[in-house]
Amino acid sequence: MNKVTMQDIADALGISRVTVWKVFNNHSGVSASLRDSVFDKARELGYTRGIQEPARTEIEKNVSLIVSRPDSSAFWTSIIHRMAQELSFHNVNLMYTYMPSSYSDKFRMPSVLSNNTVQGAIVLNVYDEKLVHMVNKLNIPKVFLDVVPQIDPLHLNGDLILIEGYNSMYKITESVLQKGLTRIGFVGDIYYARTNLDRYQGFCQCMKDHGLAVDEKLCLTNHMGIFSYYQEISRFLDSLEEMPEAFICASDYIAHHLQVYFAENHHRIPNGIVVTGYDGSKEYSNIDGVITTADVKLDMLGKRLSMQILYRMEHAEAPFEQTLIHPSILYRDSVLYG
């Protein structure tokens, strides 16, 4: 039986022999994950040249996932799963840290965030201004996905990643106008998240650029309770004497609620109505594959958040960054019926 060589290991992994040589001779320029792959493949193939595997000095680290209601939708759980997976490749544990939906005087920040247990934090789905301020004061590297519109991103003590909304919603609105529809409403709590506000502003600018005024009577943009969306949307729709020709929604979640309402009140839309969403969610079967929406790649978003916190932990003194993730638009017929 032929002896296993470095070239055999390189061929099995699809890398160069020089890279394998660097690993076994403890040279720089090879990532930790690739180094581990080389050692694993060498053991698998029975490489017995007697070159001692260098001691691994990488210390296991912990990143806190500061999140409110992580199981509220598949949107969040998909991102979280990908983050945990990606961080594990870098010997980093993702630790769940509970955050309430809204601030109360009884709430105290968990001690795990200040006792050196964690070396960084990723902040998801926290949309209470006071809670965000509390998190912002933590003396650990932080990455935020979105933020409440009441807080200037320049005041964040961490990096901010945003799903781009202004231009994306402009394009979605324009696609509706191209159908010849002009009486259009908007539904979305613009005080909830900066991304919601950006989407509303993109809608308004598109209407303006096409010489159309936004009819505020057709828009529901006020603050809505996180547990009363359907009730508040239903009351708003009930109050309209006549439905518009279309609704631009800040999310697929909202578009889903509109379709539920129309299914229960089909007499309000005898000829159907155009509804668009945002997020590209597949968890709402009544609108999945039907409406125009922005396709947010959750898998890649989770990976991007992970890579950002790894960078921030490694370069704590680097200037804070704000990153826009641009989704693609999935154009569809978007006509819903009761």
C-alpha atoms as a PDB file:
ATOM      1  CA  MET A   1       0.000   0.000   0.000  1.00  0.00           C
ATOM      2  CA  ASN A   2       1.444   3.385  -0.970  1.00  0.00           C
ATOM      3  CA  LYS A   3       2.291   5.881   1.736  1.00  0.00           C
ATOM      4  CA  VAL A   4      -0.038   8.851   2.105  1.00  0.00           C
ATOM      5  CA  THR A   5       1.680  12.082   1.074  1.00  0.00           C
ATOM      6  CA  MET A   6       0.988  15.780   1.552  1.00  0.00           C
ATOM      7  CA  GLN A   7      -0.086  15.851  -2.088  1.00  0.00           C
ATOM      8  CA  ASP A   8      -2.761  13.229  -1.307  1.00  0.00           C
ATOM      9  CA  ILE A   9      -4.133  15.412   1.474  1.00  0.00           C
ATOM     10  CA  ALA A  10      -4.052  18.475  -0.783  1.00  0.00           C
ATOM     11  CA  ASP A  11      -5.868  16.641  -3.586  1.00  0.00           C
ATOM     12  CA  ALA A  12      -8.536  15.355  -1.193  1.00  0.00           C
ATOM     13  CA  LEU A  13      -9.264  18.880   0.016  1.00  0.00           C
ATOM     14  CA  GLY A  14      -8.843  20.635  -3.319  1.00  0.00           C
ATOM     15  CA  ILE A  15      -6.009  22.855  -2.060  1.00  0.00           C
ATOM     16  CA  SER A  16      -2.332  23.251  -2.890  1.00  0.00           C
ATOM     17  CA  ARG A  17       0.470  21.109  -1.478  1.00  0.00           C
ATOM     18  CA  VAL A  18       2.123  24.319  -0.260  1.00  0.00           C
ATOM     19  CA  THR A  19      -0.883  25.043   1.951  1.00  0.00           C
ATOM     20  CA  VAL A  20      -0.674  21.559   3.499  1.00  0.00           C
ATOM     21  CA  TRP A  21       3.065  22.052   4.043  1.00  0.00           C
ATOM     22  CA  LYS A  22       2.392  25.364   5.812  1.00  0.00           C
ATOM     23  CA  VAL A  23      -0.071  23.679   8.166  1.00  0.00           C
ATOM     24  CA  PHE A  24       2.275  20.878   9.215  1.00  0.00           C
ATOM     25  CA  ASN A  25       5.155  23.289   9.642  1.00  0.00           C
ATOM     26  CA  ASN A  26       3.070  25.815  11.602  1.00  0.00           C
ATOM     27  CA  HIS A  27       3.465  28.671   9.111  1.00  0.00           C
ATOM     28  CA  SER A  28       1.126  31.656   8.989  1.00  0.00           C
ATOM     29  CA  GLY A  29      -1.309  32.445   6.186  1.00  0.00           C
ATOM     30  CA  VAL A  30      -3.754  29.587   6.755  1.00  0.00           C
ATOM     31  CA  SER A  31      -7.118  30.084   8.461  1.00  0.00           C
ATOM     32  CA  ALA A  32      -7.944  28.151  11.628  1.00  0.00           C
ATOM     33  CA  SER A  33     -10.822  26.338   9.944  1.00  0.00           C
ATOM     34  CA  LEU A  34      -8.681  25.218   6.987  1.00  0.00           C
ATOM     35  CA  ARG A  35      -5.874  24.184   9.371  1.00  0.00           C
ATOM     36  CA  ASP A  36      -8.343  21.967  11.238  1.00  0.00           C
ATOM     37  CA  SER A  37      -9.579  20.481   7.944  1.00  0.00           C
ATOM     38  CA  VAL A  38      -6.028  19.531   6.974  1.00  0.00           C
ATOM     39  CA  PHE A  39      -5.395  17.785  10.294  1.00  0.00           C
ATOM     40  CA  ASP A  40      -8.737  15.980  10.119  1.00  0.00           C
ATOM     41  CA  LYS A  41      -8.108  14.789   6.569  1.00  0.00           C
ATOM     42  CA  ALA A  42      -4.569  13.688   7.484  1.00  0.00           C
ATOM     43  CA  ARG A  43      -5.917  11.527  10.318  1.00  0.00           C
ATOM     44  CA  GLU A  44      -8.648  10.159   8.031  1.00  0.00           C
ATOM     45  CA  LEU A  45      -6.135   9.164   5.335  1.00  0.00           C
ATOM     46  CA  GLY A  46      -3.612   7.791   7.856  1.00  0.00           C
ATOM     47  CA  TYR A  47      -0.830  10.278   7.205  1.00  0.00           C
ATOM     48  CA  THR A  48       2.132   8.998   9.258  1.00  0.00           C
ATOM     49  CA  ARG A  49       5.125  11.183   8.429  1.00  0.00           C
ATOM     50  CA  GLY A  50       5.586  11.821  12.125  1.00  0.00           C
ATOM     51  CA  ILE A  51       5.226  15.586  11.881  1.00  0.00           C
ATOM     52  CA  GLN A  52       3.785  16.629  15.205  1.00  0.00           C
ATOM     53  CA  GLU A  53       0.509  18.503  15.103  1.00  0.00           C
ATOM     54  CA  PRO A  54       1.094  21.962  16.636  1.00  0.00           C
ATOM     55  CA  ALA A  55      -0.696  22.741  19.839  1.00  0.00           C
ATOM     56  CA  ARG A  56      -3.911  24.645  19.300  1.00  0.00           C
ATOM     57  CA  THR A  57      -3.879  27.851  21.260  1.00  0.00           C
ATOM     58  CA  GLU A  58      -7.245  29.224  20.152  1.00  0.00           C
ATOM     59  CA  ILE A  59      -9.410  29.942  23.185  1.00  0.00           C
ATOM     60  CA  GLU A  60     -13.116  29.239  22.995  1.00  0.00           C
ATOM     61  CA  LYS A  61     -15.201  32.425  23.035  1.00  0.00           C
ATOM     62  CA  ASN A  62     -18.836  33.294  23.681  1.00  0.00           C
ATOM     63  CA  VAL A  63     -21.093  35.727  21.852  1.00  0.00           C
ATOM     64  CA  SER A  64     -24.384  36.781  23.398  1.00  0.00           C
ATOM     65  CA  LEU A  65     -27.478  36.766  21.224  1.00  0.00           C
ATOM     66  CA  ILE A  66     -29.487  39.620  22.761  1.00  0.00           C
ATOM     67  CA  VAL A  67     -32.932  39.015  21.331  1.00  0.00           C
ATOM     68  CA  SER A  68     -36.586  39.583  22.086  1.00  0.00           C
ATOM     69  CA  ARG A  69     -39.102  36.928  20.993  1.00  0.00           C
ATOM     70  CA  PRO A  70     -36.670  34.857  18.877  1.00  0.00           C
ATOM     71  CA  ASP A  71     -39.387  32.332  18.067  1.00  0.00           C
ATOM     72  CA  SER A  72     -41.959  34.917  16.947  1.00  0.00           C
ATOM     73  CA  SER A  73     -41.364  34.049  13.290  1.00  0.00           C
ATOM     74  CA  ALA A  74     -39.261  31.853  11.032  1.00  0.00           C
ATOM     75  CA  PHE A  75     -37.536  35.065   9.894  1.00  0.00           C
ATOM     76  CA  TRP A  76     -35.641  35.317  13.184  1.00  0.00           C
ATOM     77  CA  THR A  77     -35.056  31.621  13.802  1.00  0.00           C
ATOM     78  CA  SER A  78     -33.534  31.200  10.338  1.00  0.00           C
ATOM     79  CA  ILE A  79     -31.063  34.022  10.964  1.00  0.00           C
ATOM     80  CA  ILE A  80     -30.194  32.730  14.437  1.00  0.00           C
ATOM     81  CA  HIS A  81     -29.594  29.167  13.226  1.00  0.00           C
ATOM     82  CA  ARG A  82     -27.170  30.370  10.548  1.00  0.00           C
ATOM     83  CA  MET A  83     -25.335  32.597  13.027  1.00  0.00           C
ATOM     84  CA  ALA A  84     -24.861  29.729  15.491  1.00  0.00           C
ATOM     85  CA  GLN A  85     -23.598  27.495  12.705  1.00  0.00           C
ATOM     86  CA  GLU A  86     -21.144  30.057  11.325  1.00  0.00           C
ATOM     87  CA  LEU A  87     -19.758  31.055  14.720  1.00  0.00           C
ATOM     88  CA  SER A  88     -19.191  27.408  15.664  1.00  0.00           C
ATOM     89  CA  PHE A  89     -16.767  27.153  12.736  1.00  0.00           C
ATOM     90  CA  HIS A  90     -14.662  29.781  14.527  1.00  0.00           C
ATOM     91  CA  ASN A  91     -14.807  28.113  17.963  1.00  0.00           C
ATOM     92  CA  VAL A  92     -17.348  30.663  19.203  1.00  0.00           C
ATOM     93  CA  ASN A  93     -20.498  29.758  21.129  1.00  0.00           C
ATOM     94  CA  LEU A  94     -23.721  31.686  20.543  1.00  0.00           C
ATOM     95  CA  MET A  95     -25.457  32.166  23.900  1.00  0.00           C
ATOM     96  CA  TYR A  96     -29.125  33.170  24.089  1.00  0.00           C
ATOM     97  CA  THR A  97     -29.737  36.180  26.339  1.00  0.00           C
ATOM     98  CA  TYR A  98     -33.368  36.996  27.031  1.00  0.00           C
ATOM     99  CA  MET A  99     -34.668  40.508  26.404  1.00  0.00           C
ATOM    100  CA  PRO A 100     -38.301  41.519  27.052  1.00  0.00           C
ATOM    101  CA  SER A 101     -40.440  43.101  24.346  1.00  0.00           C
ATOM    102  CA  SER A 102     -40.778  46.336  26.298  1.00  0.00           C
ATOM    103  CA  TYR A 103     -39.003  48.031  29.176  1.00  0.00           C
ATOM    104  CA  SER A 104     -40.241  47.926  32.760  1.00  0.00           C
ATOM    105  CA  ASP A 105     -38.745  49.277  35.979  1.00  0.00           C
ATOM    106  CA  LYS A 106     -38.279  45.714  37.194  1.00  0.00           C
ATOM    107  CA  PHE A 107     -36.003  44.737  34.341  1.00  0.00           C
ATOM    108  CA  ARG A 108     -32.293  44.337  35.057  1.00  0.00           C
ATOM    109  CA  MET A 109     -29.648  43.647  32.452  1.00  0.00           C
ATOM    110  CA  PRO A 110     -28.429  40.022  32.793  1.00  0.00           C
ATOM    111  CA  SER A 111     -25.097  39.776  34.619  1.00  0.00           C
ATOM    112  CA  VAL A 112     -23.710  37.536  31.880  1.00  0.00           C
ATOM    113  CA  LEU A 113     -23.360  40.673  29.754  1.00  0.00           C
ATOM    114  CA  SER A 114     -21.014  42.402  32.205  1.00  0.00           C
ATOM    115  CA  ASN A 115     -19.047  39.673  34.007  1.00  0.00           C
ATOM    116  CA  ASN A 116     -16.689  38.739  31.157  1.00  0.00           C
ATOM    117  CA  THR A 117     -18.637  35.597  30.267  1.00  0.00           C
ATOM    118  CA  VAL A 118     -19.213  36.875  26.743  1.00  0.00           C
ATOM    119  CA  GLN A 119     -16.758  38.618  24.451  1.00  0.00           C
ATOM    120  CA  GLY A 120     -19.324  40.200  22.134  1.00  0.00           C
ATOM    121  CA  ALA A 121     -23.037  40.570  21.397  1.00  0.00           C
ATOM    122  CA  ILE A 122     -25.389  40.488  18.408  1.00  0.00           C
ATOM    123  CA  VAL A 123     -28.628  42.411  18.966  1.00  0.00           C
ATOM    124  CA  LEU A 124     -31.765  41.191  17.153  1.00  0.00           C
ATOM    125  CA  ASN A 125     -35.442  42.142  17.280  1.00  0.00           C
ATOM    126  CA  VAL A 126     -35.023  44.606  20.162  1.00  0.00           C
ATOM    127  CA  TYR A 127     -37.255  47.554  19.325  1.00  0.00           C
ATOM    128  CA  ASP A 128     -37.826  49.292  22.646  1.00  0.00           C
ATOM    129  CA  GLU A 129     -35.929  52.582  22.862  1.00  0.00           C
ATOM    130  CA  LYS A 130     -35.012  52.279  26.560  1.00  0.00           C
ATOM    131  CA  LEU A 131     -33.823  48.704  26.147  1.00  0.00           C
ATOM    132  CA  VAL A 132     -31.694  49.645  23.152  1.00  0.00           C
ATOM    133  CA  HIS A 133     -30.101  52.441  25.198  1.00  0.00           C
ATOM    134  CA  MET A 134     -29.294  49.935  27.964  1.00  0.00           C
ATOM    135  CA  VAL A 135     -27.726  47.504  25.514  1.00  0.00           C
ATOM    136  CA  ASN A 136     -25.829  50.340  23.855  1.00  0.00           C
ATOM    137  CA  LYS A 137     -24.074  51.123  27.162  1.00  0.00           C
ATOM    138  CA  LEU A 138     -22.629  47.625  27.499  1.00  0.00           C
ATOM    139  CA  ASN A 139     -18.842  47.649  27.385  1.00  0.00           C
ATOM    140  CA  ILE A 140     -18.511  44.766  24.917  1.00  0.00           C
ATOM    141  CA  PRO A 141     -18.213  44.645  21.111  1.00  0.00           C
ATOM    142  CA  LYS A 142     -21.699  44.815  19.579  1.00  0.00           C
ATOM    143  CA  VAL A 143     -23.434  44.378  16.238  1.00  0.00           C
ATOM    144  CA  PHE A 144     -27.032  45.568  15.797  1.00  0.00           C
ATOM    145  CA  LEU A 145     -29.429  44.334  13.140  1.00  0.00           C
ATOM    146  CA  ASP A 146     -31.706  47.356  12.672  1.00  0.00           C
ATOM    147  CA  VAL A 147     -32.536  49.872  15.404  1.00  0.00           C
ATOM    148  CA  VAL A 148     -35.482  51.950  16.545  1.00  0.00           C
ATOM    149  CA  PRO A 149     -35.871  55.128  14.440  1.00  0.00           C
ATOM    150  CA  GLN A 150     -35.707  57.305  17.578  1.00  0.00           C
ATOM    151  CA  ILE A 151     -31.989  56.529  17.944  1.00  0.00           C
ATOM    152  CA  ASP A 152     -29.481  58.083  15.557  1.00  0.00           C
ATOM    153  CA  PRO A 153     -27.240  55.289  14.203  1.00  0.00           C
ATOM    154  CA  LEU A 154     -24.257  57.586  14.788  1.00  0.00           C
ATOM    155  CA  HIS A 155     -24.932  57.286  18.524  1.00  0.00           C
ATOM    156  CA  LEU A 156     -24.645  53.500  18.547  1.00  0.00           C
ATOM    157  CA  ASN A 157     -21.589  52.044  20.279  1.00  0.00           C
ATOM    158  CA  GLY A 158     -21.357  49.222  17.797  1.00  0.00           C
ATOM    159  CA  ASP A 159     -21.797  48.265  14.168  1.00  0.00           C
ATOM    160  CA  LEU A 160     -25.203  48.498  12.492  1.00  0.00           C
ATOM    161  CA  ILE A 161     -26.445  46.244   9.700  1.00  0.00           C
ATOM    162  CA  LEU A 162     -29.622  47.320   7.900  1.00  0.00           C
ATOM    163  CA  ILE A 163     -31.716  45.639   5.236  1.00  0.00           C
ATOM    164  CA  GLU A 164     -31.964  48.388   2.625  1.00  0.00           C
ATOM    165  CA  GLY A 165     -35.532  49.649   2.340  1.00  0.00           C
ATOM    166  CA  TYR A 166     -35.762  53.049   0.676  1.00  0.00           C
ATOM    167  CA  ASN A 167     -34.735  52.123  -2.862  1.00  0.00           C
ATOM    168  CA  SER A 168     -36.224  48.640  -2.674  1.00  0.00           C
ATOM    169  CA  MET A 169     -39.635  49.971  -1.676  1.00  0.00           C
ATOM    170  CA  TYR A 170     -39.361  52.680  -4.327  1.00  0.00           C
ATOM    171  CA  LYS A 171     -39.005  49.926  -6.950  1.00  0.00           C
ATOM    172  CA  ILE A 172     -41.875  47.903  -5.497  1.00  0.00           C
ATOM    173  CA  THR A 173     -44.158  50.958  -5.468  1.00  0.00           C
ATOM    174  CA  GLU A 174     -43.142  51.831  -9.008  1.00  0.00           C
ATOM    175  CA  SER A 175     -44.060  48.321 -10.183  1.00  0.00           C
ATOM    176  CA  VAL A 176     -47.583  48.912  -8.854  1.00  0.00           C
ATOM    177  CA  LEU A 177     -47.839  52.307 -10.523  1.00  0.00           C
ATOM    178  CA  GLN A 178     -46.823  50.695 -13.808  1.00  0.00           C
ATOM    179  CA  LYS A 179     -50.013  48.635 -13.606  1.00  0.00           C
ATOM    180  CA  GLY A 180     -51.925  51.896 -13.978  1.00  0.00           C
ATOM    181  CA  LEU A 181     -52.954  52.013 -10.332  1.00  0.00           C
ATOM    182  CA  THR A 182     -52.771  55.386  -8.574  1.00  0.00           C
ATOM    183  CA  ARG A 183     -54.953  55.123  -5.463  1.00  0.00           C
ATOM    184  CA  ILE A 184     -52.458  53.372  -3.213  1.00  0.00           C
ATOM    185  CA  GLY A 185     -52.171  52.998   0.565  1.00  0.00           C
ATOM    186  CA  PHE A 186     -49.324  51.986   2.864  1.00  0.00           C
ATOM    187  CA  VAL A 187     -49.472  49.772   5.975  1.00  0.00           C
ATOM    188  CA  GLY A 188     -46.581  49.563   8.430  1.00  0.00           C
ATOM    189  CA  ASP A 189     -45.565  50.902  11.846  1.00  0.00           C
ATOM    190  CA  ILE A 190     -42.930  53.496  10.929  1.00  0.00           C
ATOM    191  CA  TYR A 191     -42.067  54.082  14.610  1.00  0.00           C
ATOM    192  CA  TYR A 192     -41.167  50.435  15.182  1.00  0.00           C
ATOM    193  CA  ALA A 193     -37.915  50.136  13.232  1.00  0.00           C
ATOM    194  CA  ARG A 194     -35.638  52.280  11.108  1.00  0.00           C
ATOM    195  CA  THR A 195     -36.102  49.848   8.220  1.00  0.00           C
ATOM    196  CA  ASN A 196     -39.885  50.368   8.337  1.00  0.00           C
ATOM    197  CA  LEU A 197     -39.393  54.131   8.225  1.00  0.00           C
ATOM    198  CA  ASP A 198     -36.996  53.799   5.283  1.00  0.00           C
ATOM    199  CA  ARG A 199     -39.559  51.722   3.396  1.00  0.00           C
ATOM    200  CA  TYR A 200     -42.306  54.267   3.984  1.00  0.00           C
ATOM    201  CA  GLN A 201     -40.058  57.099   2.816  1.00  0.00           C
ATOM    202  CA  GLY A 202     -39.231  55.140  -0.348  1.00  0.00           C
ATOM    203  CA  PHE A 203     -42.956  54.700  -0.990  1.00  0.00           C
ATOM    204  CA  CYS A 204     -43.648  58.419  -0.465  1.00  0.00           C
ATOM    205  CA  GLN A 205     -40.789  59.512  -2.727  1.00  0.00           C
ATOM    206  CA  CYS A 206     -41.918  57.211  -5.525  1.00  0.00           C
ATOM    207  CA  MET A 207     -45.458  58.592  -5.340  1.00  0.00           C
ATOM    208  CA  LYS A 208     -44.092  62.144  -5.395  1.00  0.00           C
ATOM    209  CA  ASP A 209     -41.799  61.475  -8.342  1.00  0.00           C
ATOM    210  CA  HIS A 210     -44.813  60.213 -10.294  1.00  0.00           C
ATOM    211  CA  GLY A 211     -46.833  63.331  -9.503  1.00  0.00           C
ATOM    212  CA  LEU A 212     -49.091  61.632  -6.963  1.00  0.00           C
ATOM    213  CA  ALA A 213     -49.910  62.812  -3.456  1.00  0.00           C
ATOM    214  CA  VAL A 214     -49.907  60.270  -0.624  1.00  0.00           C
ATOM    215  CA  ASP A 215     -53.444  59.974   0.733  1.00  0.00           C
ATOM    216  CA  GLU A 216     -52.906  59.714   4.486  1.00  0.00           C
ATOM    217  CA  LYS A 217     -56.424  58.341   4.968  1.00  0.00           C
ATOM    218  CA  LEU A 218     -55.277  55.232   3.095  1.00  0.00           C
ATOM    219  CA  CYS A 219     -52.148  54.789   5.207  1.00  0.00           C
ATOM    220  CA  LEU A 220     -51.756  53.071   8.575  1.00  0.00           C
ATOM    221  CA  THR A 221     -48.337  54.116   9.865  1.00  0.00           C
ATOM    222  CA  ASN A 222     -48.895  54.727  13.576  1.00  0.00           C
ATOM    223  CA  HIS A 223     -47.420  52.619  16.369  1.00  0.00           C
ATOM    224  CA  MET A 224     -49.037  49.197  16.650  1.00  0.00           C
ATOM    225  CA  GLY A 225     -48.798  46.777  19.557  1.00  0.00           C
ATOM    226  CA  ILE A 226     -46.730  43.718  18.703  1.00  0.00           C
ATOM    227  CA  PHE A 227     -49.544  41.436  19.872  1.00  0.00           C
ATOM    228  CA  SER A 228     -52.422  43.363  18.299  1.00  0.00           C
ATOM    229  CA  TYR A 229     -51.388  43.821  14.665  1.00  0.00           C
ATOM    230  CA  TYR A 230     -54.369  42.024  13.172  1.00  0.00           C
ATOM    231  CA  GLN A 231     -56.902  43.793  15.366  1.00  0.00           C
ATOM    232  CA  GLU A 232     -55.489  47.229  14.548  1.00  0.00           C
ATOM    233  CA  ILE A 233     -55.197  46.494  10.830  1.00  0.00           C
ATOM    234  CA  SER A 234     -58.773  45.196  10.806  1.00  0.00           C
ATOM    235  CA  ARG A 235     -60.078  48.345  12.519  1.00  0.00           C
ATOM    236  CA  PHE A 236     -58.215  50.484   9.994  1.00  0.00           C
ATOM    237  CA  LEU A 237     -59.593  48.571   7.002  1.00  0.00           C
ATOM    238  CA  ASP A 238     -63.099  48.618   8.500  1.00  0.00           C
ATOM    239  CA  SER A 239     -62.866  52.414   8.726  1.00  0.00           C
ATOM    240  CA  LEU A 240     -62.261  52.850   4.985  1.00  0.00           C
ATOM    241  CA  GLU A 241     -65.404  53.661   3.066  1.00  0.00           C
ATOM    242  CA  GLU A 242     -63.759  52.424  -0.116  1.00  0.00           C
ATOM    243  CA  MET A 243     -60.687  50.281  -0.550  1.00  0.00           C
ATOM    244  CA  PRO A 244     -57.740  51.668  -2.513  1.00  0.00           C
ATOM    245  CA  GLU A 245     -56.546  49.911  -5.644  1.00  0.00           C
ATOM    246  CA  ALA A 246     -53.425  48.652  -3.868  1.00  0.00           C
ATOM    247  CA  PHE A 247     -51.632  48.458  -0.535  1.00  0.00           C
ATOM    248  CA  ILE A 248     -47.862  48.648  -0.130  1.00  0.00           C
ATOM    249  CA  CYS A 249     -46.964  46.746   3.064  1.00  0.00           C
ATOM    250  CA  ALA A 250     -43.817  47.175   5.135  1.00  0.00           C
ATOM    251  CA  SER A 251     -43.484  43.395   5.519  1.00  0.00           C
ATOM    252  CA  ASP A 252     -44.878  40.065   4.379  1.00  0.00           C
ATOM    253  CA  TYR A 253     -46.191  39.653   7.927  1.00  0.00           C
ATOM    254  CA  ILE A 254     -48.452  42.671   7.395  1.00  0.00           C
ATOM    255  CA  ALA A 255     -49.447  41.565   3.891  1.00  0.00           C
ATOM    256  CA  HIS A 256     -50.440  38.215   5.409  1.00  0.00           C
ATOM    257  CA  HIS A 257     -52.777  39.980   7.850  1.00  0.00           C
ATOM    258  CA  LEU A 258     -54.352  41.932   4.997  1.00  0.00           C
ATOM    259  CA  GLN A 259     -55.067  38.727   3.113  1.00  0.00           C
ATOM    260  CA  VAL A 260     -56.632  37.168   6.227  1.00  0.00           C
ATOM    261  CA  TYR A 261     -58.895  40.222   6.515  1.00  0.00           C
ATOM    262  CA  PHE A 262     -59.885  40.097   2.842  1.00  0.00           C
ATOM    263  CA  ALA A 263     -60.625  36.376   3.098  1.00  0.00           C
ATOM    264  CA  GLU A 264     -63.060  37.187   5.901  1.00  0.00           C
ATOM    265  CA  ASN A 265     -64.439  40.283   4.157  1.00  0.00           C
ATOM    266  CA  HIS A 266     -64.359  39.323   0.487  1.00  0.00           C
ATOM    267  CA  HIS A 267     -67.236  41.685  -0.289  1.00  0.00           C
ATOM    268  CA  ARG A 268     -64.831  44.611   0.282  1.00  0.00           C
ATOM    269  CA  ILE A 269     -62.747  43.644  -2.787  1.00  0.00           C
ATOM    270  CA  PRO A 270     -65.139  42.174  -5.397  1.00  0.00           C
ATOM    271  CA  ASN A 271     -62.516  42.581  -8.131  1.00  0.00           C
ATOM    272  CA  GLY A 272     -59.477  41.772  -5.994  1.00  0.00           C
ATOM    273  CA  ILE A 273     -56.764  44.130  -4.749  1.00  0.00           C
ATOM    274  CA  VAL A 274     -53.024  44.451  -5.338  1.00  0.00           C
ATOM    275  CA  VAL A 275     -50.919  43.933  -2.211  1.00  0.00           C
ATOM    276  CA  THR A 276     -47.117  43.878  -1.946  1.00  0.00           C
ATOM    277  CA  GLY A 277     -44.842  42.869   0.918  1.00  0.00           C
ATOM    278  CA  TYR A 278     -41.245  42.820   2.048  1.00  0.00           C
ATOM    279  CA  ASP A 279     -38.852  40.103   3.378  1.00  0.00           C
ATOM    280  CA  GLY A 280     -39.573  37.249   0.953  1.00  0.00           C
ATOM    281  CA  SER A 281     -40.949  35.109   3.784  1.00  0.00           C
ATOM    282  CA  LYS A 282     -42.210  31.622   2.973  1.00  0.00           C
ATOM    283  CA  GLU A 283     -44.012  31.030   6.260  1.00  0.00           C
ATOM    284  CA  TYR A 284     -47.297  32.667   5.192  1.00  0.00           C
ATOM    285  CA  SER A 285     -48.877  30.259   2.726  1.00  0.00           C
ATOM    286  CA  ASN A 286     -51.703  32.660   1.807  1.00  0.00           C
ATOM    287  CA  ILE A 287     -49.261  35.069   0.126  1.00  0.00           C
ATOM    288  CA  ASP A 288     -46.152  32.944  -0.560  1.00  0.00           C
ATOM    289  CA  GLY A 289     -45.316  33.064  -4.251  1.00  0.00           C
ATOM    290  CA  VAL A 290     -48.234  35.426  -4.934  1.00  0.00           C
ATOM    291  CA  ILE A 291     -47.132  38.936  -4.019  1.00  0.00           C
ATOM    292  CA  THR A 292     -44.272  41.179  -5.088  1.00  0.00           C
ATOM    293  CA  THR A 293     -41.766  41.325  -2.244  1.00  0.00           C
ATOM    294  CA  ALA A 294     -38.115  41.976  -1.386  1.00  0.00           C
ATOM    295  CA  ASP A 295     -36.130  38.746  -1.154  1.00  0.00           C
ATOM    296  CA  VAL A 296     -34.010  38.920   2.003  1.00  0.00           C
ATOM    297  CA  LYS A 297     -31.480  36.080   1.972  1.00  0.00           C
ATOM    298  CA  LEU A 298     -31.738  35.028   5.622  1.00  0.00           C
ATOM    299  CA  ASP A 299     -28.955  32.474   5.398  1.00  0.00           C
ATOM    300  CA  MET A 300     -26.475  35.035   4.098  1.00  0.00           C
ATOM    301  CA  LEU A 301     -27.736  37.661   6.556  1.00  0.00           C
ATOM    302  CA  GLY A 302     -27.017  35.336   9.476  1.00  0.00           C
ATOM    303  CA  LYS A 303     -23.532  34.677   8.140  1.00  0.00           C
ATOM    304  CA  ARG A 304     -22.904  38.389   7.603  1.00  0.00           C
ATOM    305  CA  LEU A 305     -23.854  39.201  11.206  1.00  0.00           C
ATOM    306  CA  SER A 306     -21.505  36.478  12.425  1.00  0.00           C
ATOM    307  CA  MET A 307     -18.592  37.734  10.362  1.00  0.00           C
ATOM    308  CA  GLN A 308     -19.197  41.290  11.579  1.00  0.00           C
ATOM    309  CA  ILE A 309     -19.099  40.394  15.280  1.00  0.00           C
ATOM    310  CA  LEU A 310     -15.933  38.350  14.721  1.00  0.00           C
ATOM    311  CA  TYR A 311     -14.343  41.383  13.071  1.00  0.00           C
ATOM    312  CA  ARG A 312     -15.549  43.729  15.810  1.00  0.00           C
ATOM    313  CA  MET A 313     -14.195  41.437  18.561  1.00  0.00           C
ATOM    314  CA  GLU A 314     -10.839  41.269  16.794  1.00  0.00           C
ATOM    315  CA  HIS A 315     -10.715  45.012  16.067  1.00  0.00           C
ATOM    316  CA  ALA A 316     -12.528  46.668  18.976  1.00  0.00           C
ATOM    317  CA  GLU A 317     -10.868  50.035  18.335  1.00  0.00           C
ATOM    318  CA  ALA A 318     -11.767  50.224  14.638  1.00  0.00           C
ATOM    319  CA  PRO A 319     -14.341  52.880  13.626  1.00  0.00           C
ATOM    320  CA  PHE A 320     -17.922  51.674  13.851  1.00  0.00           C
ATOM    321  CA  GLU A 321     -19.540  50.620  10.591  1.00  0.00           C
ATOM    322  CA  GLN A 322     -23.006  50.867   9.048  1.00  0.00           C
ATOM    323  CA  THR A 323     -23.770  48.303   6.341  1.00  0.00           C
ATOM    324  CA  LEU A 324     -26.724  48.135   3.947  1.00  0.00           C
ATOM    325  CA  ILE A 325     -27.806  44.710   2.700  1.00  0.00           C
ATOM    326  CA  HIS A 326     -29.612  45.144  -0.625  1.00  0.00           C
ATOM    327  CA  PRO A 327     -32.332  42.539  -1.316  1.00  0.00           C
ATOM    328  CA  SER A 328     -33.480  41.597  -4.788  1.00  0.00           C
ATOM    329  CA  ILE A 329     -37.092  42.232  -5.798  1.00  0.00           C
ATOM    330  CA  LEU A 330     -39.392  39.336  -6.640  1.00  0.00           C
ATOM    331  CA  TYR A 331     -41.980  40.784  -9.025  1.00  0.00           C
ATOM    332  CA  ARG A 332     -45.329  38.995  -9.124  1.00  0.00           C
ATOM    333  CA  ASP A 333     -48.964  39.643 -10.059  1.00  0.00           C
ATOM    334  CA  SER A 334     -49.778  40.550  -6.416  1.00  0.00           C
ATOM    335  CA  VAL A 335     -53.552  40.446  -6.887  1.00  0.00           C
ATOM    336  CA  LEU A 336     -55.296  39.089  -3.785  1.00  0.00           C
ATOM    337  CA  TYR A 337     -58.905  37.975  -3.662  1.00  0.00           C
ATOM    338  CA  GLY A 338     -61.291  37.437  -0.804  1.00  0.00           C
END
